[in-house]
PDB file of N, CA and C in Angstrom:
ATOM      1  N   MET A   1      19.185  91.520  80.930  1.00  0.00           N
ATOM      2  CA  MET A   1      19.127  90.840  79.708  1.00  0.00           C
ATOM      3  C   MET A   1      18.005  91.366  78.989  1.00  0.00           C
ATOM      4  N   SER A   2      17.922  91.034  77.683  1.00  0.00           N
ATOM      5  CA  SER A   2      17.181  91.731  76.778  1.00  0.00           C
ATOM      6  C   SER A   2      16.272  90.518  76.302  1.00  0.00           C
ATOM      7  N   VAL A   3      14.867  90.725  77.004  1.00  0.00           N
ATOM      8  CA  VAL A   3      13.931  89.746  76.234  1.00  0.00           C
ATOM      9  C   VAL A   3      13.581  89.919  75.066  1.00  0.00           C
ATOM     10  N   ARG A   4      13.631  91.080  74.689  1.00  0.00           N
ATOM     11  CA  ARG A   4      13.325  91.635  73.158  1.00  0.00           C
ATOM     12  C   ARG A   4      14.189  90.717  72.280  1.00  0.00           C
ATOM     13  N   HIS A   5      15.528  90.838  72.550  1.00  0.00           N
ATOM     14  CA  HIS A   5      16.456  90.342  71.597  1.00  0.00           C
ATOM     15  C   HIS A   5      16.262  88.749  71.633  1.00  0.00           C
ATOM     16  N   ALA A   6      16.050  88.121  72.767  1.00  0.00           N
ATOM     17  CA  ALA A   6      15.721  86.676  72.896  1.00  0.00           C
ATOM     18  C   ALA A   6      14.399  86.361  71.937  1.00  0.00           C
ATOM     19  N   MET A   7      13.563  87.389  72.041  1.00  0.00           N
ATOM     20  CA  MET A   7      12.256  87.108  71.160  1.00  0.00           C
ATOM     21  C   MET A   7      12.496  86.943  69.787  1.00  0.00           C
ATOM     22  N   LEU A   8      13.571  87.984  69.211  1.00  0.00           N
ATOM     23  CA  LEU A   8      14.010  88.019  67.892  1.00  0.00           C
ATOM     24  C   LEU A   8      14.909  86.845  67.619  1.00  0.00           C
ATOM     25  N   ALA A   9      15.675  86.332  68.658  1.00  0.00           N
ATOM     26  CA  ALA A   9      16.653  85.127  68.186  1.00  0.00           C
ATOM     27  C   ALA A   9      15.650  83.918  67.948  1.00  0.00           C
ATOM     28  N   LEU A  10      14.571  83.611  68.904  1.00  0.00           N
ATOM     29  CA  LEU A  10      13.755  82.501  68.689  1.00  0.00           C
ATOM     30  C   LEU A  10      12.958  82.824  67.685  1.00  0.00           C
ATOM     31  N   LEU A  11      12.455  83.947  67.070  1.00  0.00           N
ATOM     32  CA  LEU A  11      11.885  84.033  65.765  1.00  0.00           C
ATOM     33  C   LEU A  11      12.803  83.957  64.507  1.00  0.00           C
ATOM     34  N   SER A  12      14.176  83.787  64.698  1.00  0.00           N
ATOM     35  CA  SER A  12      14.943  83.755  63.568  1.00  0.00           C
ATOM     36  C   SER A  12      14.837  82.283  63.087  1.00  0.00           C
ATOM     37  N   ARG A  13      14.438  81.471  64.006  1.00  0.00           N
ATOM     38  CA  ARG A  13      14.162  80.053  63.495  1.00  0.00           C
ATOM     39  C   ARG A  13      13.010  79.760  62.590  1.00  0.00           C
ATOM     40  N   GLY A  14      11.912  80.816  62.649  1.00  0.00           N
ATOM     41  CA  GLY A  14      10.735  80.768  61.949  1.00  0.00           C
ATOM     42  C   GLY A  14       9.618  81.273  62.614  1.00  0.00           C
ATOM     43  N   PRO A  15       8.407  81.196  62.077  1.00  0.00           N
ATOM     44  CA  PRO A  15       7.312  81.879  62.678  1.00  0.00           C
ATOM     45  C   PRO A  15       7.026  81.113  63.884  1.00  0.00           C
ATOM     46  N   ALA A  16       6.531  81.956  64.945  1.00  0.00           N
ATOM     47  CA  ALA A  16       5.940  81.175  66.224  1.00  0.00           C
ATOM     48  C   ALA A  16       4.834  82.030  66.811  1.00  0.00           C
ATOM     49  N   THR A  17       3.984  81.403  67.570  1.00  0.00           N
ATOM     50  CA  THR A  17       3.141  82.179  68.426  1.00  0.00           C
ATOM     51  C   THR A  17       3.500  82.581  69.861  1.00  0.00           C
ATOM     52  N   THR A  18       2.792  83.479  70.360  1.00  0.00           N
ATOM     53  CA  THR A  18       3.182  83.952  71.830  1.00  0.00           C
ATOM     54  C   THR A  18       3.524  82.837  72.659  1.00  0.00           C
ATOM     55  N   TYR A  19       2.695  81.894  72.617  1.00  0.00           N
ATOM     56  CA  TYR A  19       2.599  80.721  73.751  1.00  0.00           C
ATOM     57  C   TYR A  19       4.054  79.857  73.396  1.00  0.00           C
ATOM     58  N   GLN A  20       4.169  79.730  72.058  1.00  0.00           N
ATOM     59  CA  GLN A  20       5.440  78.804  71.631  1.00  0.00           C
ATOM     60  C   GLN A  20       6.657  79.628  71.975  1.00  0.00           C
ATOM     61  N   LEU A  21       6.707  80.896  71.928  1.00  0.00           N
ATOM     62  CA  LEU A  21       7.859  81.720  71.996  1.00  0.00           C
ATOM     63  C   LEU A  21       8.214  81.495  73.501  1.00  0.00           C
ATOM     64  N   ARG A  22       7.107  81.742  74.329  1.00  0.00           N
ATOM     65  CA  ARG A  22       7.320  81.560  75.865  1.00  0.00           C
ATOM     66  C   ARG A  22       7.988  80.173  76.227  1.00  0.00           C
ATOM     67  N   LYS A  23       7.427  79.203  75.617  1.00  0.00           N
ATOM     68  CA  LYS A  23       7.834  77.860  75.927  1.00  0.00           C
ATOM     69  C   LYS A  23       9.124  77.487  75.409  1.00  0.00           C
ATOM     70  N   ASP A  24       9.619  78.200  74.279  1.00  0.00           N
ATOM     71  CA  ASP A  24      10.808  77.783  73.631  1.00  0.00           C
ATOM     72  C   ASP A  24      11.794  78.708  74.312  1.00  0.00           C
ATOM     73  N   PHE A  25      11.536  79.967  74.832  1.00  0.00           N
ATOM     74  CA  PHE A  25      12.237  80.631  75.641  1.00  0.00           C
ATOM     75  C   PHE A  25      12.802  79.811  76.983  1.00  0.00           C
ATOM     76  N   GLU A  26      11.884  79.300  77.698  1.00  0.00           N
ATOM     77  CA  GLU A  26      12.283  78.603  78.776  1.00  0.00           C
ATOM     78  C   GLU A  26      12.923  77.316  78.633  1.00  0.00           C
ATOM     79  N   ILE A  27      12.544  76.645  77.368  1.00  0.00           N
ATOM     80  CA  ILE A  27      13.430  75.463  77.194  1.00  0.00           C
ATOM     81  C   ILE A  27      14.998  75.905  76.747  1.00  0.00           C
ATOM     82  N   SER A  28      14.986  76.799  76.019  1.00  0.00           N
ATOM     83  CA  SER A  28      16.338  77.238  75.606  1.00  0.00           C
ATOM     84  C   SER A  28      17.299  77.961  76.702  1.00  0.00           C
ATOM     85  N   THR A  29      16.667  78.295  77.582  1.00  0.00           N
ATOM     86  CA  THR A  29      17.553  79.063  78.717  1.00  0.00           C
ATOM     87  C   THR A  29      17.487  77.969  80.170  1.00  0.00           C
ATOM     88  N   GLY A  30      16.916  76.812  79.893  1.00  0.00           N
ATOM     89  CA  GLY A  30      17.229  75.681  80.991  1.00  0.00           C
ATOM     90  C   GLY A  30      16.091  76.076  82.078  1.00  0.00           C
ATOM     91  N   GLN A  31      15.262  77.040  81.649  1.00  0.00           N
ATOM     92  CA  GLN A  31      14.178  77.476  82.727  1.00  0.00           C
ATOM     93  C   GLN A  31      14.722  78.296  83.886  1.00  0.00           C
ATOM     94  N   THR A  32      15.934  78.823  83.666  1.00  0.00           N
ATOM     95  CA  THR A  32      16.614  79.694  84.690  1.00  0.00           C
ATOM     96  C   THR A  32      16.015  81.112  84.688  1.00  0.00           C
ATOM     97  N   TRP A  33      15.153  81.342  83.751  1.00  0.00           N
ATOM     98  CA  TRP A  33      14.652  82.692  83.774  1.00  0.00           C
ATOM     99  C   TRP A  33      13.092  82.429  83.423  1.00  0.00           C
ATOM    100  N   PRO A  34      12.264  82.249  84.109  1.00  0.00           N
ATOM    101  CA  PRO A  34      10.694  82.030  83.740  1.00  0.00           C
ATOM    102  C   PRO A  34      10.154  83.371  83.457  1.00  0.00           C
ATOM    103  N   LEU A  35       9.291  83.398  82.176  1.00  0.00           N
ATOM    104  CA  LEU A  35       8.664  84.513  81.757  1.00  0.00           C
ATOM    105  C   LEU A  35       7.102  84.033  82.014  1.00  0.00           C
ATOM    106  N   ASN A  36       6.446  85.331  82.246  1.00  0.00           N
ATOM    107  CA  ASN A  36       4.764  84.957  82.252  1.00  0.00           C
ATOM    108  C   ASN A  36       4.631  85.490  80.706  1.00  0.00           C
ATOM    109  N   ILE A  37       3.277  84.674  80.468  1.00  0.00           N
ATOM    110  CA  ILE A  37       2.829  85.175  79.145  1.00  0.00           C
ATOM    111  C   ILE A  37       2.592  86.739  78.754  1.00  0.00           C
ATOM    112  N   GLY A  38       2.271  87.376  79.943  1.00  0.00           N
ATOM    113  CA  GLY A  38       1.884  88.689  79.765  1.00  0.00           C
ATOM    114  C   GLY A  38       3.356  89.557  79.327  1.00  0.00           C
ATOM    115  N   GLN A  39       4.419  89.218  79.988  1.00  0.00           N
ATOM    116  CA  GLN A  39       5.821  89.793  79.534  1.00  0.00           C
ATOM    117  C   GLN A  39       5.970  89.403  78.195  1.00  0.00           C
ATOM    118  N   VAL A  40       5.766  87.995  77.829  1.00  0.00           N
ATOM    119  CA  VAL A  40       6.036  87.842  76.498  1.00  0.00           C
ATOM    120  C   VAL A  40       5.251  88.776  75.333  1.00  0.00           C
ATOM    121  N   SER A  41       3.911  88.663  75.708  1.00  0.00           N
ATOM    122  CA  SER A  41       2.977  89.396  74.804  1.00  0.00           C
ATOM    123  C   SER A  41       3.341  90.930  74.585  1.00  0.00           C
ATOM    124  N   GLN A  42       3.632  91.309  76.065  1.00  0.00           N
ATOM    125  CA  GLN A  42       3.799  92.855  75.848  1.00  0.00           C
ATOM    126  C   GLN A  42       5.132  93.272  75.148  1.00  0.00           C
ATOM    127  N   THR A  43       5.955  92.357  75.210  1.00  0.00           N
ATOM    128  CA  THR A  43       7.512  92.341  74.516  1.00  0.00           C
ATOM    129  C   THR A  43       7.215  92.217  73.089  1.00  0.00           C
ATOM    130  N   LEU A  44       6.432  91.375  72.594  1.00  0.00           N
ATOM    131  CA  LEU A  44       6.172  91.196  71.003  1.00  0.00           C
ATOM    132  C   LEU A  44       5.264  92.526  70.585  1.00  0.00           C
ATOM    133  N   GLU A  45       4.551  93.019  71.403  1.00  0.00           N
ATOM    134  CA  GLU A  45       3.698  94.203  70.921  1.00  0.00           C
ATOM    135  C   GLU A  45       4.676  95.537  70.815  1.00  0.00           C
ATOM    136  N   ARG A  46       5.727  95.661  71.657  1.00  0.00           N
ATOM    137  CA  ARG A  46       6.688  96.612  71.528  1.00  0.00           C
ATOM    138  C   ARG A  46       7.515  96.303  70.139  1.00  0.00           C
ATOM    139  N   LEU A  47       7.788  95.163  70.036  1.00  0.00           N
ATOM    140  CA  LEU A  47       8.611  94.723  68.707  1.00  0.00           C
ATOM    141  C   LEU A  47       7.795  95.127  67.483  1.00  0.00           C
ATOM    142  N   ALA A  48       6.394  94.724  67.504  1.00  0.00           N
ATOM    143  CA  ALA A  48       5.738  95.216  66.475  1.00  0.00           C
ATOM    144  C   ALA A  48       5.700  96.661  66.130  1.00  0.00           C
ATOM    145  N   ARG A  49       5.456  97.469  67.275  1.00  0.00           N
ATOM    146  CA  ARG A  49       5.428  98.727  67.185  1.00  0.00           C
ATOM    147  C   ARG A  49       6.886  99.348  66.509  1.00  0.00           C
ATOM    148  N   ASP A  50       7.892  98.753  66.904  1.00  0.00           N
ATOM    149  CA  ASP A  50       9.163  99.218  66.333  1.00  0.00           C
ATOM    150  C   ASP A  50       9.611  98.602  64.868  1.00  0.00           C
ATOM    151  N   ASN A  51       8.584  97.725  64.365  1.00  0.00           N
ATOM    152  CA  ASN A  51       8.685  97.376  63.139  1.00  0.00           C
ATOM    153  C   ASN A  51       9.587  96.190  63.116  1.00  0.00           C
ATOM    154  N   LEU A  52      10.002  95.403  64.148  1.00  0.00           N
ATOM    155  CA  LEU A  52      11.061  94.326  64.178  1.00  0.00           C
ATOM    156  C   LEU A  52      10.369  93.038  63.990  1.00  0.00           C
ATOM    157  N   VAL A  53       8.932  92.853  64.379  1.00  0.00           N
ATOM    158  CA  VAL A  53       8.058  91.700  64.115  1.00  0.00           C
ATOM    159  C   VAL A  53       6.990  92.056  63.583  1.00  0.00           C
ATOM    160  N   VAL A  54       6.187  91.207  62.694  1.00  0.00           N
ATOM    161  CA  VAL A  54       4.682  91.290  62.520  1.00  0.00           C
ATOM    162  C   VAL A  54       4.137  89.938  62.541  1.00  0.00           C
ATOM    163  N   ARG A  55       2.692  90.117  62.620  1.00  0.00           N
ATOM    164  CA  ARG A  55       1.892  88.977  62.686  1.00  0.00           C
ATOM    165  C   ARG A  55       1.923  88.264  61.172  1.00  0.00           C
ATOM    166  N   ASP A  56       1.840  87.071  61.116  1.00  0.00           N
ATOM    167  CA  ASP A  56       1.608  86.434  60.018  1.00  0.00           C
ATOM    168  C   ASP A  56       0.138  86.091  59.568  1.00  0.00           C
ATOM    169  N   GLU A  57      -0.347  87.376  59.056  1.00  0.00           N
ATOM    170  CA  GLU A  57      -2.108  87.236  58.827  1.00  0.00           C
ATOM    171  C   GLU A  57      -2.490  86.130  57.712  1.00  0.00           C
ATOM    172  N   GLY A  58      -1.546  85.543  57.059  1.00  0.00           N
ATOM    173  CA  GLY A  58      -1.697  84.439  56.080  1.00  0.00           C
ATOM    174  C   GLY A  58      -1.799  83.042  56.632  1.00  0.00           C
ATOM    175  N   ALA A  59      -1.433  83.075  57.888  1.00  0.00           N
ATOM    176  CA  ALA A  59      -1.346  81.861  58.525  1.00  0.00           C
ATOM    177  C   ALA A  59      -2.489  81.334  58.965  1.00  0.00           C
ATOM    178  N   ALA A  60      -3.002  79.858  58.952  1.00  0.00           N
ATOM    179  CA  ALA A  60      -4.157  79.428  59.521  1.00  0.00           C
ATOM    180  C   ALA A  60      -4.334  79.638  60.821  1.00  0.00           C
ATOM    181  N   GLU A  61      -5.523  80.003  61.315  1.00  0.00           N
ATOM    182  CA  GLU A  61      -5.626  80.208  62.938  1.00  0.00           C
ATOM    183  C   GLU A  61      -6.311  79.317  63.442  1.00  0.00           C
ATOM    184  N   ASP A  62      -6.081  78.709  64.480  1.00  0.00           N
ATOM    185  CA  ASP A  62      -6.679  77.610  65.262  1.00  0.00           C
ATOM    186  C   ASP A  62      -7.330  78.333  66.461  1.00  0.00           C
ATOM    187  N   SER A  63      -8.014  77.614  67.164  1.00  0.00           N
ATOM    188  CA  SER A  63      -9.070  78.190  68.334  1.00  0.00           C
ATOM    189  C   SER A  63      -8.407  78.724  69.418  1.00  0.00           C
ATOM    190  N   LEU A  64      -7.150  78.039  69.447  1.00  0.00           N
ATOM    191  CA  LEU A  64      -6.417  78.447  70.745  1.00  0.00           C
ATOM    192  C   LEU A  64      -5.368  79.547  70.510  1.00  0.00           C
ATOM    193  N   THR A  65      -4.970  79.735  69.180  1.00  0.00           N
ATOM    194  CA  THR A  65      -3.757  80.793  69.189  1.00  0.00           C
ATOM    195  C   THR A  65      -4.109  81.716  68.100  1.00  0.00           C
ATOM    196  N   LYS A  66      -3.274  82.873  68.199  1.00  0.00           N
ATOM    197  CA  LYS A  66      -3.494  83.779  67.316  1.00  0.00           C
ATOM    198  C   LYS A  66      -2.691  83.608  65.997  1.00  0.00           C
ATOM    199  N   GLU A  67      -2.459  84.454  65.023  1.00  0.00           N
ATOM    200  CA  GLU A  67      -1.498  84.147  63.917  1.00  0.00           C
ATOM    201  C   GLU A  67       0.007  84.204  64.588  1.00  0.00           C
ATOM    202  N   PRO A  68       0.829  83.511  64.022  1.00  0.00           N
ATOM    203  CA  PRO A  68       2.312  83.581  64.539  1.00  0.00           C
ATOM    204  C   PRO A  68       2.983  84.886  64.049  1.00  0.00           C
ATOM    205  N   TRP A  69       4.225  85.048  65.172  1.00  0.00           N
ATOM    206  CA  TRP A  69       4.738  86.137  64.572  1.00  0.00           C
ATOM    207  C   TRP A  69       5.780  85.777  63.602  1.00  0.00           C
ATOM    208  N   LEU A  70       6.402  86.950  63.025  1.00  0.00           N
ATOM    209  CA  LEU A  70       7.428  86.720  61.960  1.00  0.00           C
ATOM    210  C   LEU A  70       8.544  87.804  62.136  1.00  0.00           C
ATOM    211  N   LEU A  71       9.544  87.621  61.970  1.00  0.00           N
ATOM    212  CA  LEU A  71      10.778  88.750  62.105  1.00  0.00           C
ATOM    213  C   LEU A  71      10.726  89.529  60.853  1.00  0.00           C
ATOM    214  N   THR A  72      11.009  90.860  60.939  1.00  0.00           N
ATOM    215  CA  THR A  72      11.175  91.551  59.617  1.00  0.00           C
ATOM    216  C   THR A  72      12.625  91.607  59.402  1.00  0.00           C
ATOM    217  N   ASP A  73      12.961  92.393  58.145  1.00  0.00           N
ATOM    218  CA  ASP A  73      14.112  92.694  57.929  1.00  0.00           C
ATOM    219  C   ASP A  73      15.071  93.580  58.969  1.00  0.00           C
ATOM    220  N   THR A  74      14.146  94.455  59.414  1.00  0.00           N
ATOM    221  CA  THR A  74      14.719  95.389  60.530  1.00  0.00           C
ATOM    222  C   THR A  74      15.094  94.685  61.783  1.00  0.00           C
ATOM    223  N   GLY A  75      14.186  93.760  61.913  1.00  0.00           N
ATOM    224  CA  GLY A  75      14.207  92.702  63.234  1.00  0.00           C
ATOM    225  C   GLY A  75      15.719  91.880  63.047  1.00  0.00           C
ATOM    226  N   ARG A  76      15.770  91.357  61.777  1.00  0.00           N
ATOM    227  CA  ARG A  76      17.060  90.640  61.528  1.00  0.00           C
ATOM    228  C   ARG A  76      18.154  91.289  61.701  1.00  0.00           C
ATOM    229  N   ALA A  77      18.337  92.684  61.174  1.00  0.00           N
ATOM    230  CA  ALA A  77      19.531  93.483  61.307  1.00  0.00           C
ATOM    231  C   ALA A  77      19.617  93.944  62.732  1.00  0.00           C
ATOM    232  N   GLN A  78      18.607  94.121  63.468  1.00  0.00           N
ATOM    233  CA  GLN A  78      18.790  94.341  64.987  1.00  0.00           C
ATOM    234  C   GLN A  78      19.464  93.143  65.715  1.00  0.00           C
ATOM    235  N   LEU A  79      18.859  91.951  65.410  1.00  0.00           N
ATOM    236  CA  LEU A  79      19.474  90.591  66.090  1.00  0.00           C
ATOM    237  C   LEU A  79      20.778  90.454  65.768  1.00  0.00           C
ATOM    238  N   ALA A  80      21.368  90.657  64.406  1.00  0.00           N
ATOM    239  CA  ALA A  80      22.506  90.684  63.811  1.00  0.00           C
ATOM    240  C   ALA A  80      23.619  91.361  64.820  1.00  0.00           C
ATOM    241  N   ALA A  81      22.944  92.712  65.097  1.00  0.00           N
ATOM    242  CA  ALA A  81      23.974  93.615  65.800  1.00  0.00           C
ATOM    243  C   ALA A  81      24.123  93.183  67.175  1.00  0.00           C
ATOM    244  N   TRP A  82      23.175  92.426  67.649  1.00  0.00           N
ATOM    245  CA  TRP A  82      22.992  91.940  69.187  1.00  0.00           C
ATOM    246  C   TRP A  82      23.922  90.940  69.191  1.00  0.00           C
ATOM    247  N   TRP A  83      24.016  89.863  68.027  1.00  0.00           N
ATOM    248  CA  TRP A  83      24.871  88.813  68.106  1.00  0.00           C
ATOM    249  C   TRP A  83      26.289  89.279  68.226  1.00  0.00           C
ATOM    250  N   ARG A  84      26.390  90.415  67.383  1.00  0.00           N
ATOM    251  CA  ARG A  84      28.073  90.971  67.044  1.00  0.00           C
ATOM    252  C   ARG A  84      28.510  91.574  68.171  1.00  0.00           C
ATOM    253  N   ASP A  85      27.596  92.341  68.829  1.00  0.00           N
ATOM    254  CA  ASP A  85      28.265  93.198  69.976  1.00  0.00           C
ATOM    255  C   ASP A  85      28.306  92.560  71.327  1.00  0.00           C
ATOM    256  N   PRO A  86      29.398  92.802  72.055  1.00  0.00           N
ATOM    257  CA  PRO A  86      29.878  92.163  73.420  1.00  0.00           C
ATOM    258  C   PRO A  86      28.564  92.815  74.277  1.00  0.00           C
ATOM    259  N   VAL A  87      28.382  92.161  75.426  1.00  0.00           N
ATOM    260  CA  VAL A  87      27.532  92.525  76.534  1.00  0.00           C
ATOM    261  C   VAL A  87      28.219  93.365  77.173  1.00  0.00           C
ATOM    262  N   VAL A  88      27.647  94.652  77.579  1.00  0.00           N
ATOM    263  CA  VAL A  88      28.475  95.452  78.681  1.00  0.00           C
ATOM    264  C   VAL A  88      27.898  94.986  79.728  1.00  0.00           C
ATOM    265  N   ARG A  89      28.715  94.796  80.823  1.00  0.00           N
ATOM    266  CA  ARG A  89      28.486  94.004  82.032  1.00  0.00           C
ATOM    267  C   ARG A  89      28.577  95.046  83.161  1.00  0.00           C
ATOM    268  N   ASP A  90      27.716  96.212  83.354  1.00  0.00           N
ATOM    269  CA  ASP A  90      27.830  97.250  84.343  1.00  0.00           C
ATOM    270  C   ASP A  90      27.166  97.010  85.463  1.00  0.00           C
ATOM    271  N   VAL A  91      25.946  96.433  85.356  1.00  0.00           N
ATOM    272  CA  VAL A  91      24.715  96.236  86.423  1.00  0.00           C
ATOM    273  C   VAL A  91      24.541  94.587  86.680  1.00  0.00           C
ATOM    274  N   PRO A  92      24.926  94.215  87.703  1.00  0.00           N
ATOM    275  CA  PRO A  92      24.758  92.933  88.312  1.00  0.00           C
ATOM    276  C   PRO A  92      23.082  92.721  88.003  1.00  0.00           C
ATOM    277  N   GLY A  93      22.771  91.518  87.857  1.00  0.00           N
ATOM    278  CA  GLY A  93      21.536  90.901  87.952  1.00  0.00           C
ATOM    279  C   GLY A  93      21.387  89.582  87.116  1.00  0.00           C
ATOM    280  N   ARG A  94      20.156  89.437  86.569  1.00  0.00           N
ATOM    281  CA  ARG A  94      20.035  88.358  85.720  1.00  0.00           C
ATOM    282  C   ARG A  94      21.051  88.607  84.581  1.00  0.00           C
ATOM    283  N   ASP A  95      21.834  87.493  84.284  1.00  0.00           N
ATOM    284  CA  ASP A  95      22.926  87.578  83.478  1.00  0.00           C
ATOM    285  C   ASP A  95      22.697  87.601  81.933  1.00  0.00           C
ATOM    286  N   GLU A  96      22.755  88.595  81.177  1.00  0.00           N
ATOM    287  CA  GLU A  96      22.590  88.474  79.733  1.00  0.00           C
ATOM    288  C   GLU A  96      23.321  87.490  78.934  1.00  0.00           C
ATOM    289  N   LEU A  97      24.552  87.699  79.265  1.00  0.00           N
ATOM    290  CA  LEU A  97      25.677  86.736  78.786  1.00  0.00           C
ATOM    291  C   LEU A  97      25.063  85.121  78.826  1.00  0.00           C
ATOM    292  N   VAL A  98      24.535  84.810  80.055  1.00  0.00           N
ATOM    293  CA  VAL A  98      24.240  83.446  80.096  1.00  0.00           C
ATOM    294  C   VAL A  98      23.065  83.087  79.157  1.00  0.00           C
ATOM    295  N   ILE A  99      22.019  84.011  79.144  1.00  0.00           N
ATOM    296  CA  ILE A  99      20.967  84.032  78.402  1.00  0.00           C
ATOM    297  C   ILE A  99      21.293  84.071  76.783  1.00  0.00           C
ATOM    298  N   LYS A 100      22.259  84.810  76.425  1.00  0.00           N
ATOM    299  CA  LYS A 100      22.580  85.050  75.179  1.00  0.00           C
ATOM    300  C   LYS A 100      23.458  83.553  74.563  1.00  0.00           C
ATOM    301  N   LEU A 101      24.181  83.171  75.408  1.00  0.00           N
ATOM    302  CA  LEU A 101      25.007  81.813  75.129  1.00  0.00           C
ATOM    303  C   LEU A 101      24.027  80.841  74.950  1.00  0.00           C
ATOM    304  N   ALA A 102      23.175  80.567  75.951  1.00  0.00           N
ATOM    305  CA  ALA A 102      22.233  79.545  76.137  1.00  0.00           C
ATOM    306  C   ALA A 102      21.249  79.421  74.676  1.00  0.00           C
ATOM    307  N   LEU A 103      20.702  80.739  74.249  1.00  0.00           N
ATOM    308  CA  LEU A 103      20.070  80.817  73.072  1.00  0.00           C
ATOM    309  C   LEU A 103      21.085  80.392  71.875  1.00  0.00           C
ATOM    310  N   ALA A 104      22.296  81.080  71.849  1.00  0.00           N
ATOM    311  CA  ALA A 104      23.172  80.968  70.628  1.00  0.00           C
ATOM    312  C   ALA A 104      23.198  79.438  70.438  1.00  0.00           C
ATOM    313  N   VAL A 105      23.588  78.697  71.255  1.00  0.00           N
ATOM    314  CA  VAL A 105      23.675  77.096  71.280  1.00  0.00           C
ATOM    315  C   VAL A 105      22.551  76.358  70.586  1.00  0.00           C
ATOM    316  N   THR A 106      21.401  76.978  70.631  1.00  0.00           N
ATOM    317  CA  THR A 106      20.163  76.439  70.116  1.00  0.00           C
ATOM    318  C   THR A 106      19.873  76.813  68.766  1.00  0.00           C
ATOM    319  N   LEU A 107      20.664  77.624  68.319  1.00  0.00           N
ATOM    320  CA  LEU A 107      20.315  78.213  66.751  1.00  0.00           C
ATOM    321  C   LEU A 107      21.619  77.886  65.892  1.00  0.00           C
ATOM    322  N   PRO A 108      21.254  77.051  64.822  1.00  0.00           N
ATOM    323  CA  PRO A 108      22.281  76.776  63.967  1.00  0.00           C
ATOM    324  C   PRO A 108      23.168  77.728  63.286  1.00  0.00           C
ATOM    325  N   ASP A 109      22.626  78.687  62.952  1.00  0.00           N
ATOM    326  CA  ASP A 109      23.286  79.815  62.181  1.00  0.00           C
ATOM    327  C   ASP A 109      24.002  80.710  63.188  1.00  0.00           C
ATOM    328  N   ILE A 110      24.264  80.496  64.458  1.00  0.00           N
ATOM    329  CA  ILE A 110      25.056  81.427  65.098  1.00  0.00           C
ATOM    330  C   ILE A 110      26.515  80.898  65.427  1.00  0.00           C
ATOM    331  N   ASP A 111      27.453  81.542  65.168  1.00  0.00           N
ATOM    332  CA  ASP A 111      28.936  81.056  65.425  1.00  0.00           C
ATOM    333  C   ASP A 111      29.033  81.223  66.704  1.00  0.00           C
ATOM    334  N   VAL A 112      29.002  80.266  67.592  1.00  0.00           N
ATOM    335  CA  VAL A 112      29.102  80.471  69.046  1.00  0.00           C
ATOM    336  C   VAL A 112      30.416  80.755  69.523  1.00  0.00           C
ATOM    337  N   THR A 113      31.449  80.174  68.927  1.00  0.00           N
ATOM    338  CA  THR A 113      32.960  80.405  68.826  1.00  0.00           C
ATOM    339  C   THR A 113      33.193  81.928  68.823  1.00  0.00           C
ATOM    340  N   ALA A 114      32.759  82.321  67.771  1.00  0.00           N
ATOM    341  CA  ALA A 114      33.007  83.879  67.447  1.00  0.00           C
ATOM    342  C   ALA A 114      32.265  84.731  68.473  1.00  0.00           C
ATOM    343  N   LEU A 115      31.335  84.185  68.998  1.00  0.00           N
ATOM    344  CA  LEU A 115      30.567  85.274  69.912  1.00  0.00           C
ATOM    345  C   LEU A 115      31.099  85.066  71.052  1.00  0.00           C
ATOM    346  N   VAL A 116      31.559  83.981  71.537  1.00  0.00           N
ATOM    347  CA  VAL A 116      32.513  83.818  72.826  1.00  0.00           C
ATOM    348  C   VAL A 116      33.894  84.648  72.877  1.00  0.00           C
ATOM    349  N   GLN A 117      34.589  84.484  71.706  1.00  0.00           N
ATOM    350  CA  GLN A 117      35.706  85.280  71.547  1.00  0.00           C
ATOM    351  C   GLN A 117      35.569  86.798  71.606  1.00  0.00           C
ATOM    352  N   ARG A 118      34.376  87.207  71.080  1.00  0.00           N
ATOM    353  CA  ARG A 118      34.093  88.696  70.883  1.00  0.00           C
ATOM    354  C   ARG A 118      33.918  89.139  72.449  1.00  0.00           C
ATOM    355  N   GLN A 119      33.167  88.336  73.202  1.00  0.00           N
ATOM    356  CA  GLN A 119      32.909  88.447  74.721  1.00  0.00           C
ATOM    357  C   GLN A 119      34.179  88.426  75.396  1.00  0.00           C
ATOM    358  N   ARG A 120      34.927  87.536  75.035  1.00  0.00           N
ATOM    359  CA  ARG A 120      36.255  87.576  75.845  1.00  0.00           C
ATOM    360  C   ARG A 120      37.048  88.603  75.566  1.00  0.00           C
ATOM    361  N   SER A 121      37.329  89.135  74.549  1.00  0.00           N
ATOM    362  CA  SER A 121      37.993  90.216  74.188  1.00  0.00           C
ATOM    363  C   SER A 121      37.558  91.452  74.722  1.00  0.00           C
ATOM    364  N   ALA A 122      36.383  91.498  74.741  1.00  0.00           N
ATOM    365  CA  ALA A 122      35.541  92.643  75.281  1.00  0.00           C
ATOM    366  C   ALA A 122      35.761  92.719  76.851  1.00  0.00           C
ATOM    367  N   THR A 123      35.621  91.553  77.424  1.00  0.00           N
ATOM    368  CA  THR A 123      35.883  91.425  79.045  1.00  0.00           C
ATOM    369  C   THR A 123      37.387  91.740  79.371  1.00  0.00           C
ATOM    370  N   LEU A 124      38.405  91.105  78.649  1.00  0.00           N
ATOM    371  CA  LEU A 124      39.786  91.496  78.802  1.00  0.00           C
ATOM    372  C   LEU A 124      40.144  92.950  78.676  1.00  0.00           C
ATOM    373  N   GLN A 125      39.576  93.643  77.558  1.00  0.00           N
ATOM    374  CA  GLN A 125      39.620  94.786  77.580  1.00  0.00           C
ATOM    375  C   GLN A 125      39.116  95.866  78.613  1.00  0.00           C
ATOM    376  N   ARG A 126      37.972  95.498  79.171  1.00  0.00           N
ATOM    377  CA  ARG A 126      37.511  96.198  80.386  1.00  0.00           C
ATOM    378  C   ARG A 126      38.128  96.013  81.439  1.00  0.00           C
ATOM    379  N   LEU A 127      38.809  94.615  81.845  1.00  0.00           N
ATOM    380  CA  LEU A 127      39.521  94.481  82.863  1.00  0.00           C
ATOM    381  C   LEU A 127      40.925  95.377  82.740  1.00  0.00           C
TER     382      LEU A 127
END
């Protein structure tokens, strides 16, 4: 499963801090995949390095959090490709499809029916 794509999906709802993204991930996935804050932070730093997210330096900073993260246009394009492309199911383990669907139903602009149909077609083709 791509934690990086999950972070992009959560940021598509709007700016969020590292701590909020961790909390939202666990809520969205029914706490089936706990993340530690270090993993979230490291993932966001890599996304920033790849110009997929940036810090909102204009946002008010409080004493407990840093500036929230924002999705870039490049990040939106990569997220759109992730939603569009079926999951390749070569290696068993944490099920990316389950996480993808769990996130999809929490986001109003994702066509869950189309996502499921693309995955169904890809799975039937592979079988």
